[in-house]
Amino acid sequence: MNRTRIKLLIAAGVVLFVIVVLGAVLFPKVHYVDPKPAIASGEGYFSKLKQNQVDDAFAMYTEGFLRMRGGEWKKIVGDLDADGGQVTDAKLLGSQVVPVTLRDSTEIACIFTRYQVTLVSDERLVICPNQGRSEWSIAGHEITRVDNGEPFAAGITLRQKTLFSTS
């Protein structure tokens, strides 16, 4: 090997090392999250509602959600079904990974999903890995009625913040 080639290899190695170190320092919490299991949980939830298996659908919420808002939320969902009819279709409109900080300051990655449900409501679910079990569970649910825009929300919900605006 000639000297120029050796110098290039050493320079490339140093640059690669610097990039790896900077990446580890600047992005220590970056990791891949597969949204498919969470999306499957959301699809399963609406599938159970389509089959009028309300109790089975509600078993897909986290224990904390059910303890804090379960009875009240079941009534809201029941009232929506009475007003707009039973869920016959739920179309996934999109999903994205969202960070959630738990009470003990632990950060977990959850999946935010959005569904169009039977022309009656626009619904958003926050689906997180269940800390006590291996599956994903619904930790937050937002519903907006399409007919009158009335919003309902319980559990973990997302707030958008504008960091800067061009207007």
Foldseek 3Di string as FASTA:
>chain_A
DDPVVVVVVVVVVVVVVVVVVCCCVVPVPDDDDDCVLVVVLVVVLLVCQLVVVPVVSLVQAAPVQCVVCVVVVSVVVVVLCVVPNTWNDKAWPDKDWDWDQDPVRDIFIWMWTWIDTPLFWIKIFTWGQHPVDRGIGTQKMWIATPVPRDIDITGDDDDDDDPDDPD
